[in-house]
Amino acid sequence: MDPHPFRVLDARAYDIFVCYAYKRPWKLPSVLKQYQKVTVLAWSLGVAVALRLSPNIKASRWIFLNGTGALVHPRFGISPRVFSLTLDSLKQYGSKTLQNFYQNMFSGEKQAFFELFLRHRPQRDLAEVIAELEEASSLKQEDLLIPHQTTVLAGQKDRIIPIQKQLNFWNTKGVRLKVLPWGHFPFYRFVYLDDLLETPL
C-alpha cells in the first residue's frame, strides 16, 4: 500500500500519519516525537512490522487489524505455497495479478468500496512491491511481545489472511480479539477514521 487509498478517510480527533514501504532497517517516523499520545493502527503486513517495532514506540493504544506476527506461515499467516504462487504470478503478470489481489481484499465488502479503492489505488512501483513482499516472507514467527493496551480486530470474511490463521496466532498470545463481518480492507465502511479507532471490544 501507500497513502493514496487512505486519503478519502477523514478524522475528527486524530492527526493521521501513514507508514508504508516496509524495508529494513525499519525506522520510526520522527514526527511521532511531537505527540504526547499516539495510537498505532496496524493493518495486514503492518501488524507484523509494528509488533517488531513496538518496544521502541511509546504508544498509548495499539490496534491490530487483519494481521498477525508472521505474514507467511502455515498456521499464523498466508500459506507459504499460496504466497509463493502469488509472488511468482506477480513477477510474471504484474498489474493483472495485483488487480486480482485487490479484488480479494474486498471480498465481503461492497462493490462500491472496491470501485472507490480503484479510483485511489496505490501508486507504488511494481518492483518495489515485489521486493517488499520477498522481504516480508522472511518474517518468521518469533516470541513477540504484545504491547499493553492492545485491541485486535479480525475480519471474518478476510481472504488474504484467513480468520482461522488470525485466531491461531492471537490465541497463542492470550489476546482476546473481536471478530467482525469484514473483509481484508474494511476502511471504507467508515466516513471518519475515529469510528474505526474507537470500535469497542
C-alpha atoms as a PDB file:
ATOM      1  CA  MET A   1       0.000   0.000   0.000  1.00  0.00           C
ATOM      2  CA  ASP A   2       0.792   3.682   0.105  1.00  0.00           C
ATOM      3  CA  PRO A   3      -1.208   6.724   1.352  1.00  0.00           C
ATOM      4  CA  HIS A   4      -3.453   7.012  -1.745  1.00  0.00           C
ATOM      5  CA  PRO A   5      -6.261   4.627  -0.688  1.00  0.00           C
ATOM      6  CA  PHE A   6      -6.475   6.293   2.731  1.00  0.00           C
ATOM      7  CA  ARG A   7      -6.801   9.877   1.548  1.00  0.00           C
ATOM      8  CA  VAL A   8     -10.565   9.507   1.285  1.00  0.00           C
ATOM      9  CA  LEU A   9     -10.749   8.968   5.054  1.00  0.00           C
ATOM     10  CA  ASP A  10     -11.164  11.879   7.418  1.00  0.00           C
ATOM     11  CA  ALA A  11     -10.568  12.162  11.157  1.00  0.00           C
ATOM     12  CA  ARG A  12     -12.055  14.440  13.768  1.00  0.00           C
ATOM     13  CA  ALA A  13      -9.906  13.878  16.848  1.00  0.00           C
ATOM     14  CA  TYR A  14      -6.750  12.482  15.250  1.00  0.00           C
ATOM     15  CA  ASP A  15      -3.894  13.539  13.039  1.00  0.00           C
ATOM     16  CA  ILE A  16      -3.197  10.714  10.565  1.00  0.00           C
ATOM     17  CA  PHE A  17       0.298   9.604   9.644  1.00  0.00           C
ATOM     18  CA  VAL A  18       0.577   6.679   7.206  1.00  0.00           C
ATOM     19  CA  CYS A  19       3.616   4.404   7.337  1.00  0.00           C
ATOM     20  CA  TYR A  20       4.330   2.071   4.440  1.00  0.00           C
ATOM     21  CA  ALA A  21       7.176   0.674   2.297  1.00  0.00           C
ATOM     22  CA  TYR A  22       8.397  -1.782   4.910  1.00  0.00           C
ATOM     23  CA  LYS A  23      12.061  -2.140   4.095  1.00  0.00           C
ATOM     24  CA  ARG A  24      14.689  -2.964   6.671  1.00  0.00           C
ATOM     25  CA  PRO A  25      16.239  -1.373   8.570  1.00  0.00           C
ATOM     26  CA  TRP A  26      12.867  -0.107   9.772  1.00  0.00           C
ATOM     27  CA  LYS A  27      12.920   3.463  11.030  1.00  0.00           C
ATOM     28  CA  LEU A  28      10.452   5.148  13.320  1.00  0.00           C
ATOM     29  CA  PRO A  29       8.941   8.346  11.904  1.00  0.00           C
ATOM     30  CA  SER A  30      10.435  11.329  13.729  1.00  0.00           C
ATOM     31  CA  VAL A  31       7.044  13.073  13.680  1.00  0.00           C
ATOM     32  CA  LEU A  32       5.915  10.759  16.491  1.00  0.00           C
ATOM     33  CA  LYS A  33       8.121  12.691  18.917  1.00  0.00           C
ATOM     34  CA  GLN A  34       5.833  15.716  18.564  1.00  0.00           C
ATOM     35  CA  TYR A  35       2.883  13.928  20.179  1.00  0.00           C
ATOM     36  CA  GLN A  36       2.207  13.124  23.812  1.00  0.00           C
ATOM     37  CA  LYS A  37      -0.416  10.490  22.871  1.00  0.00           C
ATOM     38  CA  VAL A  38      -0.034   8.108  19.946  1.00  0.00           C
ATOM     39  CA  THR A  39      -2.465   5.453  18.743  1.00  0.00           C
ATOM     40  CA  VAL A  40      -0.938   2.867  16.418  1.00  0.00           C
ATOM     41  CA  LEU A  41      -3.319   1.276  13.935  1.00  0.00           C
ATOM     42  CA  ALA A  42      -1.514  -1.542  12.135  1.00  0.00           C
ATOM     43  CA  TRP A  43      -3.124  -3.440   9.284  1.00  0.00           C
ATOM     44  CA  SER A  44      -2.161  -6.577   7.351  1.00  0.00           C
ATOM     45  CA  LEU A  45       1.649  -6.783   6.897  1.00  0.00           C
ATOM     46  CA  GLY A  46       1.880  -3.675   9.071  1.00  0.00           C
ATOM     47  CA  VAL A  47       0.869  -5.783  12.085  1.00  0.00           C
ATOM     48  CA  ALA A  48       3.990  -7.944  11.784  1.00  0.00           C
ATOM     49  CA  VAL A  49       6.193  -4.867  11.418  1.00  0.00           C
ATOM     50  CA  ALA A  50       4.506  -2.940  14.247  1.00  0.00           C
ATOM     51  CA  LEU A  51       4.940  -5.855  16.653  1.00  0.00           C
ATOM     52  CA  ARG A  52       8.676  -5.828  15.993  1.00  0.00           C
ATOM     53  CA  LEU A  53       8.887  -2.047  16.435  1.00  0.00           C
ATOM     54  CA  SER A  54       6.596  -1.851  19.459  1.00  0.00           C
ATOM     55  CA  PRO A  55       9.375  -1.902  22.112  1.00  0.00           C
ATOM     56  CA  ASN A  56      10.653   1.364  20.597  1.00  0.00           C
ATOM     57  CA  ILE A  57       7.314   3.159  20.214  1.00  0.00           C
ATOM     58  CA  LYS A  58       5.699   4.973  23.119  1.00  0.00           C
ATOM     59  CA  ALA A  59       2.069   4.479  22.178  1.00  0.00           C
ATOM     60  CA  SER A  60      -0.946   4.769  24.434  1.00  0.00           C
ATOM     61  CA  ARG A  61      -3.020   2.350  22.327  1.00  0.00           C
ATOM     62  CA  TRP A  62      -2.397  -0.381  19.778  1.00  0.00           C
ATOM     63  CA  ILE A  63      -4.999  -1.588  17.311  1.00  0.00           C
ATOM     64  CA  PHE A  64      -4.108  -4.568  15.135  1.00  0.00           C
ATOM     65  CA  LEU A  65      -6.405  -5.200  12.181  1.00  0.00           C
ATOM     66  CA  ASN A  66      -6.425  -8.281   9.945  1.00  0.00           C
ATOM     67  CA  GLY A  67      -2.851  -9.316  10.576  1.00  0.00           C
ATOM     68  CA  THR A  68      -0.552 -11.477  12.681  1.00  0.00           C
ATOM     69  CA  GLY A  69       3.098 -11.609  13.690  1.00  0.00           C
ATOM     70  CA  ALA A  70       4.046 -13.579  10.570  1.00  0.00           C
ATOM     71  CA  LEU A  71       2.787 -12.684   7.099  1.00  0.00           C
ATOM     72  CA  VAL A  72       3.781 -16.058   5.627  1.00  0.00           C
ATOM     73  CA  HIS A  73       3.219 -19.021   7.919  1.00  0.00           C
ATOM     74  CA  PRO A  74       1.302 -22.323   7.650  1.00  0.00           C
ATOM     75  CA  ARG A  75      -0.625 -21.678  10.900  1.00  0.00           C
ATOM     76  CA  PHE A  76      -0.398 -17.940  11.520  1.00  0.00           C
ATOM     77  CA  GLY A  77      -0.429 -16.253   8.122  1.00  0.00           C
ATOM     78  CA  ILE A  78      -0.711 -16.747   4.392  1.00  0.00           C
ATOM     79  CA  SER A  79       0.058 -20.311   3.315  1.00  0.00           C
ATOM     80  CA  PRO A  80       3.694 -20.447   2.065  1.00  0.00           C
ATOM     81  CA  ARG A  81       2.550 -22.229  -1.098  1.00  0.00           C
ATOM     82  CA  VAL A  82      -0.149 -19.649  -1.853  1.00  0.00           C
ATOM     83  CA  PHE A  83       2.281 -16.819  -1.140  1.00  0.00           C
ATOM     84  CA  SER A  84       4.930 -18.305  -3.425  1.00  0.00           C
ATOM     85  CA  LEU A  85       2.444 -18.798  -6.273  1.00  0.00           C
ATOM     86  CA  THR A  86       1.137 -15.253  -5.849  1.00  0.00           C
ATOM     87  CA  LEU A  87       4.639 -13.792  -5.885  1.00  0.00           C
ATOM     88  CA  ASP A  88       5.593 -15.780  -8.997  1.00  0.00           C
ATOM     89  CA  SER A  89       2.391 -14.628 -10.709  1.00  0.00           C
ATOM     90  CA  LEU A  90       3.094 -11.027  -9.705  1.00  0.00           C
ATOM     91  CA  LYS A  91       6.533 -11.233 -11.331  1.00  0.00           C
ATOM     92  CA  GLN A  92       5.109 -12.795 -14.478  1.00  0.00           C
ATOM     93  CA  TYR A  93       1.826 -10.949 -14.974  1.00  0.00           C
ATOM     94  CA  GLY A  94       2.339  -7.779 -12.946  1.00  0.00           C
ATOM     95  CA  SER A  95      -0.672  -5.481 -12.749  1.00  0.00           C
ATOM     96  CA  LYS A  96      -3.150  -8.245 -13.674  1.00  0.00           C
ATOM     97  CA  THR A  97      -2.154 -10.248 -10.582  1.00  0.00           C
ATOM     98  CA  LEU A  98      -2.207  -7.087  -8.479  1.00  0.00           C
ATOM     99  CA  GLN A  99      -5.751  -6.376  -9.657  1.00  0.00           C
ATOM    100  CA  ASN A 100      -6.840  -9.882  -8.611  1.00  0.00           C
ATOM    101  CA  PHE A 101      -5.207  -9.376  -5.216  1.00  0.00           C
ATOM    102  CA  TYR A 102      -7.053  -6.103  -4.749  1.00  0.00           C
ATOM    103  CA  GLN A 103     -10.340  -7.828  -5.586  1.00  0.00           C
ATOM    104  CA  ASN A 104      -9.654 -10.482  -2.949  1.00  0.00           C
ATOM    105  CA  MET A 105      -9.001  -7.701  -0.424  1.00  0.00           C
ATOM    106  CA  PHE A 106     -12.575  -6.549  -0.937  1.00  0.00           C
ATOM    107  CA  SER A 107     -14.252  -9.933  -0.665  1.00  0.00           C
ATOM    108  CA  GLY A 108     -17.058  -9.421   1.842  1.00  0.00           C
ATOM    109  CA  GLU A 109     -17.150  -5.669   1.163  1.00  0.00           C
ATOM    110  CA  LYS A 110     -19.455  -3.629  -1.061  1.00  0.00           C
ATOM    111  CA  GLN A 111     -18.600  -3.407  -4.761  1.00  0.00           C
ATOM    112  CA  ALA A 112     -18.786   0.372  -4.395  1.00  0.00           C
ATOM    113  CA  PHE A 113     -15.915   0.215  -1.892  1.00  0.00           C
ATOM    114  CA  PHE A 114     -13.770  -1.697  -4.376  1.00  0.00           C
ATOM    115  CA  GLU A 115     -14.549   0.857  -7.085  1.00  0.00           C
ATOM    116  CA  LEU A 116     -13.610   3.669  -4.695  1.00  0.00           C
ATOM    117  CA  PHE A 117     -10.325   1.901  -3.971  1.00  0.00           C
ATOM    118  CA  LEU A 118      -9.560   1.586  -7.692  1.00  0.00           C
ATOM    119  CA  ARG A 119     -10.025   5.331  -8.073  1.00  0.00           C
ATOM    120  CA  HIS A 120      -7.473   5.810  -5.279  1.00  0.00           C
ATOM    121  CA  ARG A 121      -5.283   2.787  -5.907  1.00  0.00           C
ATOM    122  CA  PRO A 122      -1.657   2.725  -4.669  1.00  0.00           C
ATOM    123  CA  GLN A 123       0.886   4.301  -6.984  1.00  0.00           C
ATOM    124  CA  ARG A 124       3.951   2.314  -5.975  1.00  0.00           C
ATOM    125  CA  ASP A 125       6.406   0.826  -8.440  1.00  0.00           C
ATOM    126  CA  LEU A 126       5.759  -2.891  -9.034  1.00  0.00           C
ATOM    127  CA  ALA A 127       9.411  -3.814  -8.472  1.00  0.00           C
ATOM    128  CA  GLU A 128       9.271  -2.117  -5.064  1.00  0.00           C
ATOM    129  CA  VAL A 129       6.143  -4.083  -4.115  1.00  0.00           C
ATOM    130  CA  ILE A 130       7.770  -7.370  -5.139  1.00  0.00           C
ATOM    131  CA  ALA A 131      10.933  -6.572  -3.160  1.00  0.00           C
ATOM    132  CA  GLU A 132       8.857  -5.715  -0.095  1.00  0.00           C
ATOM    133  CA  LEU A 133       6.907  -8.973  -0.290  1.00  0.00           C
ATOM    134  CA  GLU A 134      10.083 -11.000  -0.709  1.00  0.00           C
ATOM    135  CA  GLU A 135      11.491  -9.414   2.413  1.00  0.00           C
ATOM    136  CA  ALA A 136       8.210  -9.822   4.292  1.00  0.00           C
ATOM    137  CA  SER A 137       8.237 -13.551   3.597  1.00  0.00           C
ATOM    138  CA  SER A 138      11.310 -13.859   5.824  1.00  0.00           C
ATOM    139  CA  LEU A 139       9.446 -12.579   8.909  1.00  0.00           C
ATOM    140  CA  LYS A 140       9.275 -15.719  10.996  1.00  0.00           C
ATOM    141  CA  GLN A 141       7.033 -16.420  13.948  1.00  0.00           C
ATOM    142  CA  GLU A 142       9.042 -15.304  16.952  1.00  0.00           C
ATOM    143  CA  ASP A 143       8.488 -14.844  20.658  1.00  0.00           C
ATOM    144  CA  LEU A 144       6.943 -11.449  20.036  1.00  0.00           C
ATOM    145  CA  LEU A 145       5.840  -9.354  22.978  1.00  0.00           C
ATOM    146  CA  ILE A 146       2.347  -7.941  22.736  1.00  0.00           C
ATOM    147  CA  PRO A 147       2.169  -4.334  23.941  1.00  0.00           C
ATOM    148  CA  HIS A 148      -0.214  -3.252  26.662  1.00  0.00           C
ATOM    149  CA  GLN A 149      -3.489  -1.603  25.639  1.00  0.00           C
ATOM    150  CA  THR A 150      -3.808  -3.833  22.584  1.00  0.00           C
ATOM    151  CA  THR A 151      -7.035  -4.292  20.628  1.00  0.00           C
ATOM    152  CA  VAL A 152      -7.237  -6.896  17.865  1.00  0.00           C
ATOM    153  CA  LEU A 153      -9.904  -6.710  15.165  1.00  0.00           C
ATOM    154  CA  ALA A 154     -10.254  -9.661  12.788  1.00  0.00           C
ATOM    155  CA  GLY A 155     -12.333  -9.790   9.614  1.00  0.00           C
ATOM    156  CA  GLN A 156     -14.437 -12.920   9.356  1.00  0.00           C
ATOM    157  CA  LYS A 157     -14.505 -12.630   5.547  1.00  0.00           C
ATOM    158  CA  ASP A 158     -10.780 -11.920   5.141  1.00  0.00           C
ATOM    159  CA  ARG A 159      -9.479 -13.821   2.078  1.00  0.00           C
ATOM    160  CA  ILE A 160      -5.898 -12.602   2.418  1.00  0.00           C
ATOM    161  CA  ILE A 161      -5.123 -13.666   5.989  1.00  0.00           C
ATOM    162  CA  PRO A 162      -7.947 -16.095   6.789  1.00  0.00           C
ATOM    163  CA  ILE A 163      -9.765 -15.646  10.066  1.00  0.00           C
ATOM    164  CA  GLN A 164      -8.625 -19.035  11.402  1.00  0.00           C
ATOM    165  CA  LYS A 165      -4.970 -18.060  10.923  1.00  0.00           C
ATOM    166  CA  GLN A 166      -5.574 -14.853  12.838  1.00  0.00           C
ATOM    167  CA  LEU A 167      -7.314 -16.743  15.616  1.00  0.00           C
ATOM    168  CA  ASN A 168      -4.460 -19.266  15.755  1.00  0.00           C
ATOM    169  CA  PHE A 169      -1.859 -16.532  16.231  1.00  0.00           C
ATOM    170  CA  TRP A 170      -3.644 -14.328  18.747  1.00  0.00           C
ATOM    171  CA  ASN A 171      -4.816 -17.294  20.819  1.00  0.00           C
ATOM    172  CA  THR A 172      -1.184 -18.325  21.339  1.00  0.00           C
ATOM    173  CA  LYS A 173      -0.592 -14.823  22.728  1.00  0.00           C
ATOM    174  CA  GLY A 174      -3.586 -14.956  25.050  1.00  0.00           C
ATOM    175  CA  VAL A 175      -5.071 -11.902  23.358  1.00  0.00           C
ATOM    176  CA  ARG A 176      -8.829 -11.538  23.086  1.00  0.00           C
ATOM    177  CA  LEU A 177      -9.935 -10.352  19.680  1.00  0.00           C
ATOM    178  CA  LYS A 178     -13.141  -9.078  18.192  1.00  0.00           C
ATOM    179  CA  VAL A 179     -14.307 -10.902  15.062  1.00  0.00           C
ATOM    180  CA  LEU A 180     -16.258  -8.640  12.740  1.00  0.00           C
ATOM    181  CA  PRO A 181     -18.109  -9.361   9.460  1.00  0.00           C
ATOM    182  CA  TRP A 182     -15.445  -7.592   7.409  1.00  0.00           C
ATOM    183  CA  GLY A 183     -13.161  -8.383   4.504  1.00  0.00           C
ATOM    184  CA  HIS A 184      -9.441  -7.674   4.478  1.00  0.00           C
ATOM    185  CA  PHE A 185      -9.832  -3.949   3.687  1.00  0.00           C
ATOM    186  CA  PRO A 186     -12.741  -2.615   5.775  1.00  0.00           C
ATOM    187  CA  PHE A 187     -11.643   1.025   5.954  1.00  0.00           C
ATOM    188  CA  TYR A 188     -14.300   2.391   3.597  1.00  0.00           C
ATOM    189  CA  ARG A 189     -17.027   1.275   5.976  1.00  0.00           C
ATOM    190  CA  PHE A 190     -16.124   4.418   7.938  1.00  0.00           C
ATOM    191  CA  VAL A 191     -16.503   8.063   6.980  1.00  0.00           C
ATOM    192  CA  TYR A 192     -14.300   9.040   9.900  1.00  0.00           C
ATOM    193  CA  LEU A 193     -11.281   7.037  10.945  1.00  0.00           C
ATOM    194  CA  ASP A 194     -12.239   7.833  14.551  1.00  0.00           C
ATOM    195  CA  ASP A 195     -15.120   5.364  14.266  1.00  0.00           C
ATOM    196  CA  LEU A 196     -12.712   2.541  13.467  1.00  0.00           C
ATOM    197  CA  LEU A 197     -10.208   3.582  16.123  1.00  0.00           C
ATOM    198  CA  GLU A 198     -12.949   3.635  18.735  1.00  0.00           C
ATOM    199  CA  THR A 199     -14.526   0.275  17.828  1.00  0.00           C
ATOM    200  CA  PRO A 200     -15.311  -1.271  21.209  1.00  0.00           C
ATOM    201  CA  LEU A 201     -14.353  -4.822  22.125  1.00  0.00           C
END
